Amino acid sequence: MKNNMILIDVRTKGEYEGGHIEGAVNHDIMDMMAGVFPSIGKDEEVTIYCESGNRSMMAKSMMEQAGFTKVTDAGSIDNLK
């Protein structure tokens, strides 16, 4: 993974605290559903993941609809271990 890429864990705070990929920041998908997105540039390279891939797929779609242009869905946290 590129060093300048932002890695976002879209699981709950509890899931994130229970174990996450090193360097990832937590931004719960529920916040995105409420219209609150990460405070980053819309042209930043972002990779998102969750537990199984379902939430990250939804988060990618929501971020793109909000104007983010470089969002990659890594799917499951297991794909990044």
Protein backbone atom coordinates (compact mmCIF):
# COMPACT_ATOMS: atom_id res chain seq x y z
CA MET A 1 0.00 0.00 0.00
CA LYS A 2 1.23 3.49 -0.78
CA ASN A 3 2.54 5.53 2.14
CA ASN A 4 0.55 8.63 1.23
CA MET A 5 -2.71 6.72 1.11
CA ILE A 6 -5.20 7.24 3.92
CA LEU A 7 -6.51 3.99 5.41
CA ILE A 8 -9.97 4.25 6.96
CA ASP A 9 -11.64 1.60 9.12
CA VAL A 10 -15.42 2.14 8.80
CA ARG A 11 -16.34 -0.23 11.64
CA THR A 12 -17.64 0.90 15.03
CA LYS A 13 -15.31 2.43 17.59
CA GLY A 14 -15.53 -0.76 19.66
CA GLU A 15 -14.60 -2.96 16.70
CA TYR A 16 -11.71 -0.64 15.84
CA GLU A 17 -10.43 -0.65 19.43
CA GLY A 18 -10.64 -4.45 19.44
CA GLY A 19 -8.03 -4.57 16.68
CA HIS A 20 -7.33 -2.70 13.47
CA ILE A 21 -4.75 -2.38 10.73
CA GLU A 22 -1.74 -0.32 11.85
CA GLY A 23 -1.99 3.25 10.61
CA ALA A 24 -5.75 3.10 10.02
CA VAL A 25 -8.04 5.81 11.30
CA ASN A 26 -11.55 5.04 12.48
CA HIS A 27 -14.56 6.69 10.85
CA ASP A 28 -17.76 4.77 11.61
CA ILE A 29 -19.99 4.23 8.59
CA MET A 30 -22.92 5.40 10.71
CA ASP A 31 -21.34 8.86 10.71
CA MET A 32 -21.19 8.77 6.91
CA MET A 33 -24.84 7.74 6.80
CA ALA A 34 -25.55 10.88 8.86
CA GLY A 35 -23.63 12.98 6.31
CA VAL A 36 -20.38 13.31 8.29
CA PHE A 37 -17.33 12.38 6.23
CA PRO A 38 -13.62 12.28 7.07
CA SER A 39 -11.97 15.72 7.18
CA ILE A 40 -9.69 15.11 4.22
CA GLY A 41 -9.36 16.50 0.72
CA LYS A 42 -11.81 15.06 -1.79
CA ASP A 43 -8.87 14.16 -4.06
CA GLU A 44 -6.88 12.28 -1.37
CA GLU A 45 -6.18 8.60 -2.04
CA VAL A 46 -8.31 6.65 0.42
CA THR A 47 -8.61 2.93 1.09
CA ILE A 48 -11.47 1.76 3.28
CA TYR A 49 -12.18 -1.55 4.98
CA CYS A 50 -14.55 -3.16 7.48
CA GLU A 51 -15.14 -6.60 8.98
CA SER A 52 -16.64 -8.45 6.01
CA GLY A 53 -16.64 -5.98 3.11
CA ASN A 54 -20.30 -4.96 3.21
CA ARG A 55 -19.88 -1.67 5.08
CA SER A 56 -16.78 -0.69 3.14
CA MET A 57 -18.68 -1.21 -0.13
CA MET A 58 -21.47 1.09 1.12
CA ALA A 59 -18.95 3.62 2.46
CA LYS A 60 -17.15 3.75 -0.91
CA SER A 61 -20.42 4.52 -2.66
CA MET A 62 -21.37 7.21 -0.14
CA MET A 63 -17.94 8.84 -0.30
CA GLU A 64 -18.04 8.91 -4.10
CA GLN A 65 -21.52 10.44 -4.03
CA ALA A 66 -20.12 13.08 -1.63
CA GLY A 67 -17.42 13.97 -4.17
CA PHE A 68 -14.41 11.90 -3.08
CA THR A 69 -12.61 10.85 -6.25
CA LYS A 70 -9.94 8.31 -5.24
CA VAL A 71 -11.64 5.77 -2.99
CA THR A 72 -10.63 2.11 -3.00
CA ASP A 73 -12.65 -0.56 -1.22
CA ALA A 74 -10.28 -3.14 0.30
CA GLY A 75 -13.24 -5.11 1.63
CA SER A 76 -12.60 -7.27 4.68
CA ILE A 77 -9.97 -6.45 7.28
CA ASP A 78 -8.61 -9.93 6.52
CA ASN A 79 -7.66 -8.74 3.03
CA LEU A 80 -5.17 -6.31 4.57
CA LYS A 81 -3.54 -8.56 7.18
